[in-house]
Amino acid sequence: MHLIKKGAEVNVTTIDYWSPLLKATYKQYHEILSRLIEKGANLGQRLPNSNTALHIATENGDLNSVKILVEAGFKDIDCLNKEKETPLMIAEKHMNRGE
């Protein structure tokens, strides 16, 4: 949050393609996720396996992050990752396993 307040670039990525938005989603840091979106984080960012923040949120079973992302305008809910899975397919898979 301190770096955001100081004007840090919100769409920068690490060498392995993790952006602050993707990492905040993975870590379930909801307040930071919301703040990054407010500051213009790109909702369409992807990891090398083509997972988006919405894929990550559903993989984690994190309904709060799903809500934040969808309400912020994440529109491509049918996007496929390299395993040809949509975020909904991932969520359904976890529900069927009882997770």
PDB file of N, CA and C in Angstrom:
ATOM      1  N   MET A   1       0.826  -1.179   0.000  1.00  0.00           N
ATOM      2  CA  MET A   1       0.000   0.000   0.000  1.00  0.00           C
ATOM      3  C   MET A   1       0.880   1.255   0.000  1.00  0.00           C
ATOM      4  N   HIS A   2       2.001   1.167   0.703  1.00  0.00           N
ATOM      5  CA  HIS A   2       2.909   2.307   0.754  1.00  0.00           C
ATOM      6  C   HIS A   2       3.428   2.643  -0.642  1.00  0.00           C
ATOM      7  N   LEU A   3       3.804   1.631  -1.404  1.00  0.00           N
ATOM      8  CA  LEU A   3       4.327   1.871  -2.746  1.00  0.00           C
ATOM      9  C   LEU A   3       3.258   2.444  -3.668  1.00  0.00           C
ATOM     10  N   ILE A   4       2.028   1.982  -3.518  1.00  0.00           N
ATOM     11  CA  ILE A   4       0.930   2.530  -4.321  1.00  0.00           C
ATOM     12  C   ILE A   4       0.753   4.006  -4.011  1.00  0.00           C
ATOM     13  N   LYS A   5       0.784   4.350  -2.729  1.00  0.00           N
ATOM     14  CA  LYS A   5       0.641   5.756  -2.326  1.00  0.00           C
ATOM     15  C   LYS A   5       1.771   6.615  -2.885  1.00  0.00           C
ATOM     16  N   LYS A   6       2.938   6.023  -3.061  1.00  0.00           N
ATOM     17  CA  LYS A   6       4.096   6.746  -3.585  1.00  0.00           C
ATOM     18  C   LYS A   6       4.109   6.783  -5.113  1.00  0.00           C
ATOM     19  N   GLY A   7       3.083   6.182  -5.746  1.00  0.00           N
ATOM     20  CA  GLY A   7       2.979   6.255  -7.195  1.00  0.00           C
ATOM     21  C   GLY A   7       3.655   5.133  -7.953  1.00  0.00           C
ATOM     22  N   ALA A   8       3.858   3.997  -7.297  1.00  0.00           N
ATOM     23  CA  ALA A   8       4.495   2.861  -7.967  1.00  0.00           C
ATOM     24  C   ALA A   8       3.639   2.389  -9.138  1.00  0.00           C
ATOM     25  N   GLU A   9       4.293   1.878 -10.179  1.00  0.00           N
ATOM     26  CA  GLU A   9       3.612   1.335 -11.355  1.00  0.00           C
ATOM     27  C   GLU A   9       2.846   0.086 -10.945  1.00  0.00           C
ATOM     28  N   VAL A  10       1.521   0.071 -11.147  1.00  0.00           N
ATOM     29  CA  VAL A  10       0.703  -1.044 -10.685  1.00  0.00           C
ATOM     30  C   VAL A  10       0.679  -2.215 -11.669  1.00  0.00           C
ATOM     31  N   ASN A  11       1.172  -2.008 -12.890  1.00  0.00           N
ATOM     32  CA  ASN A  11       1.145  -3.078 -13.884  1.00  0.00           C
ATOM     33  C   ASN A  11       2.506  -3.700 -14.153  1.00  0.00           C
ATOM     34  N   VAL A  12       3.474  -3.418 -13.319  1.00  0.00           N
ATOM     35  CA  VAL A  12       4.803  -4.003 -13.468  1.00  0.00           C
ATOM     36  C   VAL A  12       4.714  -5.503 -13.174  1.00  0.00           C
ATOM     37  N   THR A  13       5.590  -6.285 -13.799  1.00  0.00           N
ATOM     38  CA  THR A  13       5.601  -7.725 -13.529  1.00  0.00           C
ATOM     39  C   THR A  13       6.998  -8.168 -13.120  1.00  0.00           C
ATOM     40  N   THR A  14       7.027  -9.279 -12.399  1.00  0.00           N
ATOM     41  CA  THR A  14       8.301  -9.876 -12.017  1.00  0.00           C
ATOM     42  C   THR A  14       8.846 -10.672 -13.196  1.00  0.00           C
ATOM     43  N   ILE A  15      10.014 -11.215 -13.038  1.00  0.00           N
ATOM     44  CA  ILE A  15      10.639 -12.002 -14.097  1.00  0.00           C
ATOM     45  C   ILE A  15       9.788 -13.224 -14.465  1.00  0.00           C
ATOM     46  N   ASP A  16       8.988 -13.706 -13.507  1.00  0.00           N
ATOM     47  CA  ASP A  16       8.117 -14.857 -13.783  1.00  0.00           C
ATOM     48  C   ASP A  16       6.667 -14.422 -14.029  1.00  0.00           C
ATOM     49  N   TYR A  17       6.482 -13.152 -14.410  1.00  0.00           N
ATOM     50  CA  TYR A  17       5.218 -12.590 -14.895  1.00  0.00           C
ATOM     51  C   TYR A  17       4.141 -12.336 -13.840  1.00  0.00           C
ATOM     52  N   TRP A  18       4.488 -12.367 -12.579  1.00  0.00           N
ATOM     53  CA  TRP A  18       3.520 -12.033 -11.540  1.00  0.00           C
ATOM     54  C   TRP A  18       3.423 -10.519 -11.417  1.00  0.00           C
ATOM     55  N   SER A  19       2.224 -10.012 -11.524  1.00  0.00           N
ATOM     56  CA  SER A  19       1.970  -8.586 -11.318  1.00  0.00           C
ATOM     57  C   SER A  19       1.414  -8.402  -9.907  1.00  0.00           C
ATOM     58  N   PRO A  20       1.392  -7.175  -9.404  1.00  0.00           N
ATOM     59  CA  PRO A  20       0.770  -6.948  -8.096  1.00  0.00           C
ATOM     60  C   PRO A  20      -0.686  -7.432  -8.045  1.00  0.00           C
ATOM     61  N   LEU A  21      -1.447  -7.237  -9.129  1.00  0.00           N
ATOM     62  CA  LEU A  21      -2.840  -7.683  -9.166  1.00  0.00           C
ATOM     63  C   LEU A  21      -2.936  -9.202  -9.025  1.00  0.00           C
ATOM     64  N   LEU A  22      -2.125  -9.924  -9.779  1.00  0.00           N
ATOM     65  CA  LEU A  22      -2.160 -11.381  -9.710  1.00  0.00           C
ATOM     66  C   LEU A  22      -1.717 -11.883  -8.344  1.00  0.00           C
ATOM     67  N   LYS A  23      -0.677 -11.270  -7.786  1.00  0.00           N
ATOM     68  CA  LYS A  23      -0.166 -11.695  -6.480  1.00  0.00           C
ATOM     69  C   LYS A  23      -1.170 -11.378  -5.368  1.00  0.00           C
ATOM     70  N   ALA A  24      -1.813 -10.203  -5.435  1.00  0.00           N
ATOM     71  CA  ALA A  24      -2.821  -9.854  -4.426  1.00  0.00           C
ATOM     72  C   ALA A  24      -4.004 -10.816  -4.496  1.00  0.00           C
ATOM     73  N   THR A  25      -4.360 -11.232  -5.703  1.00  0.00           N
ATOM     74  CA  THR A  25      -5.443 -12.205  -5.857  1.00  0.00           C
ATOM     75  C   THR A  25      -5.023 -13.538  -5.253  1.00  0.00           C
ATOM     76  N   TYR A  26      -3.825 -13.991  -5.583  1.00  0.00           N
ATOM     77  CA  TYR A  26      -3.320 -15.263  -5.074  1.00  0.00           C
ATOM     78  C   TYR A  26      -3.251 -15.281  -3.546  1.00  0.00           C
ATOM     79  N   LYS A  27      -2.782 -14.179  -2.966  1.00  0.00           N
ATOM     80  CA  LYS A  27      -2.621 -14.088  -1.517  1.00  0.00           C
ATOM     81  C   LYS A  27      -3.926 -13.735  -0.795  1.00  0.00           C
ATOM     82  N   GLN A  28      -4.978 -13.448  -1.571  1.00  0.00           N
ATOM     83  CA  GLN A  28      -6.288 -13.070  -1.043  1.00  0.00           C
ATOM     84  C   GLN A  28      -6.213 -11.791  -0.201  1.00  0.00           C
ATOM     85  N   TYR A  29      -5.439 -10.835  -0.711  1.00  0.00           N
ATOM     86  CA  TYR A  29      -5.329  -9.518  -0.096  1.00  0.00           C
ATOM     87  C   TYR A  29      -6.388  -8.615  -0.729  1.00  0.00           C
ATOM     88  N   HIS A  30      -7.605  -8.716  -0.234  1.00  0.00           N
ATOM     89  CA  HIS A  30      -8.748  -8.071  -0.870  1.00  0.00           C
ATOM     90  C   HIS A  30      -8.651  -6.548  -0.905  1.00  0.00           C
ATOM     91  N   GLU A  31      -8.214  -5.947   0.168  1.00  0.00           N
ATOM     92  CA  GLU A  31      -8.093  -4.488   0.200  1.00  0.00           C
ATOM     93  C   GLU A  31      -7.053  -4.017  -0.824  1.00  0.00           C
ATOM     94  N   ILE A  32      -5.928  -4.695  -0.878  1.00  0.00           N
ATOM     95  CA  ILE A  32      -4.887  -4.328  -1.838  1.00  0.00           C
ATOM     96  C   ILE A  32      -5.370  -4.565  -3.263  1.00  0.00           C
ATOM     97  N   LEU A  33      -6.075  -5.663  -3.494  1.00  0.00           N
ATOM     98  CA  LEU A  33      -6.636  -5.948  -4.815  1.00  0.00           C
ATOM     99  C   LEU A  33      -7.553  -4.817  -5.256  1.00  0.00           C
ATOM    100  N   SER A  34      -8.436  -4.395  -4.374  1.00  0.00           N
ATOM    101  CA  SER A  34      -9.349  -3.295  -4.701  1.00  0.00           C
ATOM    102  C   SER A  34      -8.594  -2.008  -4.987  1.00  0.00           C
ATOM    103  N   ARG A  35      -7.581  -1.729  -4.194  1.00  0.00           N
ATOM    104  CA  ARG A  35      -6.799  -0.501  -4.370  1.00  0.00           C
ATOM    105  C   ARG A  35      -6.038  -0.530  -5.688  1.00  0.00           C
ATOM    106  N   LEU A  36      -5.468  -1.675  -6.035  1.00  0.00           N
ATOM    107  CA  LEU A  36      -4.755  -1.802  -7.310  1.00  0.00           C
ATOM    108  C   LEU A  36      -5.691  -1.548  -8.486  1.00  0.00           C
ATOM    109  N   ILE A  37      -6.892  -2.064  -8.401  1.00  0.00           N
ATOM    110  CA  ILE A  37      -7.878  -1.851  -9.460  1.00  0.00           C
ATOM    111  C   ILE A  37      -8.242  -0.372  -9.550  1.00  0.00           C
ATOM    112  N   GLU A  38      -8.438   0.267  -8.407  1.00  0.00           N
ATOM    113  CA  GLU A  38      -8.725   1.708  -8.379  1.00  0.00           C
ATOM    114  C   GLU A  38      -7.613   2.508  -9.056  1.00  0.00           C
ATOM    115  N   LYS A  39      -6.386   2.040  -8.909  1.00  0.00           N
ATOM    116  CA  LYS A  39      -5.225   2.746  -9.464  1.00  0.00           C
ATOM    117  C   LYS A  39      -4.920   2.359 -10.904  1.00  0.00           C
ATOM    118  N   GLY A  40      -5.795   1.529 -11.519  1.00  0.00           N
ATOM    119  CA  GLY A  40      -5.643   1.236 -12.941  1.00  0.00           C
ATOM    120  C   GLY A  40      -4.961  -0.065 -13.298  1.00  0.00           C
ATOM    121  N   ALA A  41      -4.914  -1.007 -12.364  1.00  0.00           N
ATOM    122  CA  ALA A  41      -4.302  -2.300 -12.684  1.00  0.00           C
ATOM    123  C   ALA A  41      -5.055  -2.954 -13.841  1.00  0.00           C
ATOM    124  N   ASN A  42      -4.306  -3.570 -14.724  1.00  0.00           N
ATOM    125  CA  ASN A  42      -4.860  -4.236 -15.897  1.00  0.00           C
ATOM    126  C   ASN A  42      -5.504  -5.554 -15.482  1.00  0.00           C
ATOM    127  N   LEU A  43      -6.825  -5.644 -15.625  1.00  0.00           N
ATOM    128  CA  LEU A  43      -7.548  -6.849 -15.234  1.00  0.00           C
ATOM    129  C   LEU A  43      -7.247  -8.041 -16.141  1.00  0.00           C
ATOM    130  N   GLY A  44      -6.733  -7.793 -17.319  1.00  0.00           N
ATOM    131  CA  GLY A  44      -6.478  -8.860 -18.278  1.00  0.00           C
ATOM    132  C   GLY A  44      -5.104  -9.494 -18.195  1.00  0.00           C
ATOM    133  N   GLN A  45      -4.334  -9.163 -17.184  1.00  0.00           N
ATOM    134  CA  GLN A  45      -2.990  -9.736 -17.051  1.00  0.00           C
ATOM    135  C   GLN A  45      -3.069 -11.251 -16.927  1.00  0.00           C
ATOM    136  N   ARG A  46      -2.046 -11.924 -17.485  1.00  0.00           N
ATOM    137  CA  ARG A  46      -2.011 -13.391 -17.466  1.00  0.00           C
ATOM    138  C   ARG A  46      -0.622 -13.898 -17.089  1.00  0.00           C
ATOM    139  N   LEU A  47      -0.622 -15.060 -16.477  1.00  0.00           N
ATOM    140  CA  LEU A  47       0.623 -15.771 -16.205  1.00  0.00           C
ATOM    141  C   LEU A  47       1.001 -16.586 -17.444  1.00  0.00           C
ATOM    142  N   PRO A  48       2.214 -17.146 -17.504  1.00  0.00           N
ATOM    143  CA  PRO A  48       2.605 -17.947 -18.670  1.00  0.00           C
ATOM    144  C   PRO A  48       1.658 -19.120 -18.963  1.00  0.00           C
ATOM    145  N   ASN A  49       0.976 -19.636 -17.943  1.00  0.00           N
ATOM    146  CA  ASN A  49       0.017 -20.718 -18.171  1.00  0.00           C
ATOM    147  C   ASN A  49      -1.353 -20.174 -18.593  1.00  0.00           C
ATOM    148  N   SER A  50      -1.402 -18.881 -18.872  1.00  0.00           N
ATOM    149  CA  SER A  50      -2.595 -18.161 -19.317  1.00  0.00           C
ATOM    150  C   SER A  50      -3.650 -17.978 -18.238  1.00  0.00           C
ATOM    151  N   ASN A  51      -3.317 -18.256 -16.993  1.00  0.00           N
ATOM    152  CA  ASN A  51      -4.263 -17.981 -15.912  1.00  0.00           C
ATOM    153  C   ASN A  51      -4.377 -16.486 -15.694  1.00  0.00           C
ATOM    154  N   THR A  52      -5.611 -16.040 -15.523  1.00  0.00           N
ATOM    155  CA  THR A  52      -5.903 -14.652 -15.179  1.00  0.00           C
ATOM    156  C   THR A  52      -6.145 -14.571 -13.676  1.00  0.00           C
ATOM    157  N   ALA A  53      -6.377 -13.374 -13.183  1.00  0.00           N
ATOM    158  CA  ALA A  53      -6.710 -13.213 -11.767  1.00  0.00           C
ATOM    159  C   ALA A  53      -7.978 -13.985 -11.425  1.00  0.00           C
ATOM    160  N   LEU A  54      -8.931 -14.028 -12.359  1.00  0.00           N
ATOM    161  CA  LEU A  54     -10.172 -14.758 -12.095  1.00  0.00           C
ATOM    162  C   LEU A  54      -9.923 -16.267 -12.018  1.00  0.00           C
ATOM    163  N   HIS A  55      -9.029 -16.793 -12.842  1.00  0.00           N
ATOM    164  CA  HIS A  55      -8.645 -18.209 -12.726  1.00  0.00           C
ATOM    165  C   HIS A  55      -8.049 -18.468 -11.338  1.00  0.00           C
ATOM    166  N   ILE A  56      -7.163 -17.582 -10.904  1.00  0.00           N
ATOM    167  CA  ILE A  56      -6.495 -17.746  -9.613  1.00  0.00           C
ATOM    168  C   ILE A  56      -7.508 -17.703  -8.477  1.00  0.00           C
ATOM    169  N   ALA A  57      -8.436 -16.747  -8.532  1.00  0.00           N
ATOM    170  CA  ALA A  57      -9.440 -16.606  -7.475  1.00  0.00           C
ATOM    171  C   ALA A  57     -10.319 -17.849  -7.377  1.00  0.00           C
ATOM    172  N   THR A  58     -10.739 -18.387  -8.520  1.00  0.00           N
ATOM    173  CA  THR A  58     -11.586 -19.577  -8.472  1.00  0.00           C
ATOM    174  C   THR A  58     -10.794 -20.799  -8.028  1.00  0.00           C
ATOM    175  N   GLU A  59      -9.538 -20.875  -8.434  1.00  0.00           N
ATOM    176  CA  GLU A  59      -8.670 -21.974  -7.984  1.00  0.00           C
ATOM    177  C   GLU A  59      -8.551 -21.963  -6.461  1.00  0.00           C
ATOM    178  N   ASN A  60      -8.490 -20.770  -5.880  1.00  0.00           N
ATOM    179  CA  ASN A  60      -8.381 -20.623  -4.426  1.00  0.00           C
ATOM    180  C   ASN A  60      -9.725 -20.723  -3.714  1.00  0.00           C
ATOM    181  N   GLY A  61     -10.820 -20.762  -4.476  1.00  0.00           N
ATOM    182  CA  GLY A  61     -12.148 -20.751  -3.857  1.00  0.00           C
ATOM    183  C   GLY A  61     -12.441 -19.431  -3.161  1.00  0.00           C
ATOM    184  N   ASP A  62     -11.854 -18.362  -3.664  1.00  0.00           N
ATOM    185  CA  ASP A  62     -11.929 -17.041  -3.039  1.00  0.00           C
ATOM    186  C   ASP A  62     -13.047 -16.201  -3.664  1.00  0.00           C
ATOM    187  N   LEU A  63     -14.244 -16.330  -3.102  1.00  0.00           N
ATOM    188  CA  LEU A  63     -15.403 -15.624  -3.644  1.00  0.00           C
ATOM    189  C   LEU A  63     -15.276 -14.106  -3.521  1.00  0.00           C
ATOM    190  N   ASN A  64     -14.585 -13.629  -2.495  1.00  0.00           N
ATOM    191  CA  ASN A  64     -14.391 -12.178  -2.347  1.00  0.00           C
ATOM    192  C   ASN A  64     -13.605 -11.609  -3.522  1.00  0.00           C
ATOM    193  N   SER A  65     -12.531 -12.280  -3.908  1.00  0.00           N
ATOM    194  CA  SER A  65     -11.747 -11.797  -5.047  1.00  0.00           C
ATOM    195  C   SER A  65     -12.543 -11.902  -6.342  1.00  0.00           C
ATOM    196  N   VAL A  66     -13.310 -12.982  -6.501  1.00  0.00           N
ATOM    197  CA  VAL A  66     -14.154 -13.115  -7.690  1.00  0.00           C
ATOM    198  C   VAL A  66     -15.099 -11.925  -7.782  1.00  0.00           C
ATOM    199  N   LYS A  67     -15.739 -11.600  -6.678  1.00  0.00           N
ATOM    200  CA  LYS A  67     -16.679 -10.473  -6.651  1.00  0.00           C
ATOM    201  C   LYS A  67     -15.978  -9.160  -6.985  1.00  0.00           C
ATOM    202  N   ILE A  68     -14.839  -8.926  -6.392  1.00  0.00           N
ATOM    203  CA  ILE A  68     -14.086  -7.688  -6.646  1.00  0.00           C
ATOM    204  C   ILE A  68     -13.733  -7.580  -8.128  1.00  0.00           C
ATOM    205  N   LEU A  69     -13.238  -8.658  -8.699  1.00  0.00           N
ATOM    206  CA  LEU A  69     -12.818  -8.645 -10.107  1.00  0.00           C
ATOM    207  C   LEU A  69     -13.991  -8.439 -11.057  1.00  0.00           C
ATOM    208  N   VAL A  70     -15.079  -9.135 -10.824  1.00  0.00           N
ATOM    209  CA  VAL A  70     -16.248  -9.013 -11.706  1.00  0.00           C
ATOM    210  C   VAL A  70     -16.869  -7.633 -11.577  1.00  0.00           C
ATOM    211  N   GLU A  71     -17.010  -7.138 -10.358  1.00  0.00           N
ATOM    212  CA  GLU A  71     -17.574  -5.803 -10.163  1.00  0.00           C
ATOM    213  C   GLU A  71     -16.678  -4.714 -10.750  1.00  0.00           C
ATOM    214  N   ALA A  72     -15.381  -4.983 -10.830  1.00  0.00           N
ATOM    215  CA  ALA A  72     -14.445  -4.010 -11.396  1.00  0.00           C
ATOM    216  C   ALA A  72     -14.474  -4.007 -12.917  1.00  0.00           C
ATOM    217  N   GLY A  73     -15.156  -4.986 -13.501  1.00  0.00           N
ATOM    218  CA  GLY A  73     -15.272  -4.996 -14.948  1.00  0.00           C
ATOM    219  C   GLY A  73     -14.565  -6.128 -15.652  1.00  0.00           C
ATOM    220  N   PHE A  74     -14.101  -7.144 -14.913  1.00  0.00           N
ATOM    221  CA  PHE A  74     -13.506  -8.297 -15.576  1.00  0.00           C
ATOM    222  C   PHE A  74     -14.590  -8.919 -16.435  1.00  0.00           C
ATOM    223  N   LYS A  75     -14.425  -8.827 -17.744  1.00  0.00           N
ATOM    224  CA  LYS A  75     -15.490  -9.216 -18.656  1.00  0.00           C
ATOM    225  C   LYS A  75     -15.291 -10.572 -19.321  1.00  0.00           C
ATOM    226  N   ASP A  76     -14.067 -11.000 -19.483  1.00  0.00           N
ATOM    227  CA  ASP A  76     -13.788 -12.212 -20.250  1.00  0.00           C
ATOM    228  C   ASP A  76     -13.884 -13.449 -19.359  1.00  0.00           C
ATOM    229  N   ILE A  77     -15.099 -13.718 -18.854  1.00  0.00           N
ATOM    230  CA  ILE A  77     -15.265 -14.836 -17.924  1.00  0.00           C
ATOM    231  C   ILE A  77     -15.156 -16.188 -18.616  1.00  0.00           C
ATOM    232  N   ASP A  78     -15.174 -16.195 -19.937  1.00  0.00           N
ATOM    233  CA  ASP A  78     -15.031 -17.438 -20.695  1.00  0.00           C
ATOM    234  C   ASP A  78     -13.617 -17.652 -21.214  1.00  0.00           C
ATOM    235  N   CYS A  79     -12.641 -16.884 -20.698  1.00  0.00           N
ATOM    236  CA  CYS A  79     -11.268 -17.012 -21.180  1.00  0.00           C
ATOM    237  C   CYS A  79     -10.684 -18.355 -20.772  1.00  0.00           C
ATOM    238  N   LEU A  80      -9.885 -18.892 -21.656  1.00  0.00           N
ATOM    239  CA  LEU A  80      -9.276 -20.200 -21.430  1.00  0.00           C
ATOM    240  C   LEU A  80      -7.811 -20.052 -21.023  1.00  0.00           C
ATOM    241  N   ASN A  81      -7.382 -20.923 -20.115  1.00  0.00           N
ATOM    242  CA  ASN A  81      -5.961 -21.005 -19.808  1.00  0.00           C
ATOM    243  C   ASN A  81      -5.348 -22.085 -20.700  1.00  0.00           C
ATOM    244  N   LYS A  82      -4.084 -22.420 -20.480  1.00  0.00           N
ATOM    245  CA  LYS A  82      -3.424 -23.416 -21.336  1.00  0.00           C
ATOM    246  C   LYS A  82      -4.021 -24.807 -21.199  1.00  0.00           C
ATOM    247  N   GLU A  83      -4.702 -25.069 -20.091  1.00  0.00           N
ATOM    248  CA  GLU A  83      -5.368 -26.362 -19.902  1.00  0.00           C
ATOM    249  C   GLU A  83      -6.772 -26.345 -20.498  1.00  0.00           C
ATOM    250  N   LYS A  84      -7.104 -25.276 -21.213  1.00  0.00           N
ATOM    251  CA  LYS A  84      -8.423 -25.103 -21.844  1.00  0.00           C
ATOM    252  C   LYS A  84      -9.546 -25.053 -20.814  1.00  0.00           C
ATOM    253  N   GLU A  85      -9.250 -24.422 -19.656  1.00  0.00           N
ATOM    254  CA  GLU A  85     -10.237 -24.280 -18.595  1.00  0.00           C
ATOM    255  C   GLU A  85     -10.631 -22.819 -18.439  1.00  0.00           C
ATOM    256  N   THR A  86     -11.921 -22.588 -18.260  1.00  0.00           N
ATOM    257  CA  THR A  86     -12.404 -21.261 -17.904  1.00  0.00           C
ATOM    258  C   THR A  86     -12.391 -21.153 -16.382  1.00  0.00           C
ATOM    259  N   PRO A  87     -12.485 -19.940 -15.841  1.00  0.00           N
ATOM    260  CA  PRO A  87     -12.589 -19.818 -14.382  1.00  0.00           C
ATOM    261  C   PRO A  87     -13.774 -20.602 -13.814  1.00  0.00           C
ATOM    262  N   LEU A  88     -14.898 -20.611 -14.524  1.00  0.00           N
ATOM    263  CA  LEU A  88     -16.066 -21.352 -14.065  1.00  0.00           C
ATOM    264  C   LEU A  88     -15.795 -22.859 -14.012  1.00  0.00           C
ATOM    265  N   MET A  89     -15.081 -23.370 -15.000  1.00  0.00           N
ATOM    266  CA  MET A  89     -14.733 -24.795 -14.996  1.00  0.00           C
ATOM    267  C   MET A  89     -13.858 -25.144 -13.795  1.00  0.00           C
ATOM    268  N   ILE A  90     -12.944 -24.252 -13.454  1.00  0.00           N
ATOM    269  CA  ILE A  90     -12.079 -24.473 -12.294  1.00  0.00           C
ATOM    270  C   ILE A  90     -12.902 -24.483 -11.016  1.00  0.00           C
ATOM    271  N   ALA A  91     -13.819 -23.522 -10.894  1.00  0.00           N
ATOM    272  CA  ALA A  91     -14.678 -23.468  -9.704  1.00  0.00           C
ATOM    273  C   ALA A  91     -15.524 -24.729  -9.579  1.00  0.00           C
ATOM    274  N   GLU A  92     -16.065 -25.174 -10.702  1.00  0.00           N
ATOM    275  CA  GLU A  92     -16.894 -26.373 -10.702  1.00  0.00           C
ATOM    276  C   GLU A  92     -16.086 -27.607 -10.307  1.00  0.00           C
ATOM    277  N   LYS A  93     -14.861 -27.693 -10.795  1.00  0.00           N
ATOM    278  CA  LYS A  93     -13.988 -28.813 -10.461  1.00  0.00           C
ATOM    279  C   LYS A  93     -13.742 -28.867  -8.948  1.00  0.00           C
ATOM    280  N   HIS A  94     -13.529 -27.714  -8.335  1.00  0.00           N
ATOM    281  CA  HIS A  94     -13.286 -27.673  -6.890  1.00  0.00           C
ATOM    282  C   HIS A  94     -14.549 -28.007  -6.100  1.00  0.00           C
ATOM    283  N   MET A  95     -15.701 -27.599  -6.602  1.00  0.00           N
ATOM    284  CA  MET A  95     -16.957 -27.931  -5.929  1.00  0.00           C
ATOM    285  C   MET A  95     -17.193 -29.440  -5.956  1.00  0.00           C
ATOM    286  N   ASN A  96     -16.880 -30.063  -7.072  1.00  0.00           N
ATOM    287  CA  ASN A  96     -17.084 -31.503  -7.205  1.00  0.00           C
ATOM    288  C   ASN A  96     -16.149 -32.306  -6.306  1.00  0.00           C
ATOM    289  N   ARG A  97     -15.002 -31.720  -5.961  1.00  0.00           N
ATOM    290  CA  ARG A  97     -14.061 -32.396  -5.061  1.00  0.00           C
ATOM    291  C   ARG A  97     -14.375 -32.106  -3.603  1.00  0.00           C
ATOM    292  N   GLY A  98     -15.366 -31.233  -3.379  1.00  0.00           N
ATOM    293  CA  GLY A  98     -15.732 -30.895  -2.005  1.00  0.00           C
ATOM    294  C   GLY A  98     -14.808 -29.894  -1.359  1.00  0.00           C
ATOM    295  N   GLU A  99     -14.091 -29.129  -2.166  1.00  0.00           N
ATOM    296  CA  GLU A  99     -13.137 -28.144  -1.618  1.00  0.00           C
ATOM    297  C   GLU A  99     -13.834 -26.838  -1.351  1.00  0.00           C
TER     298      GLU A  99
END
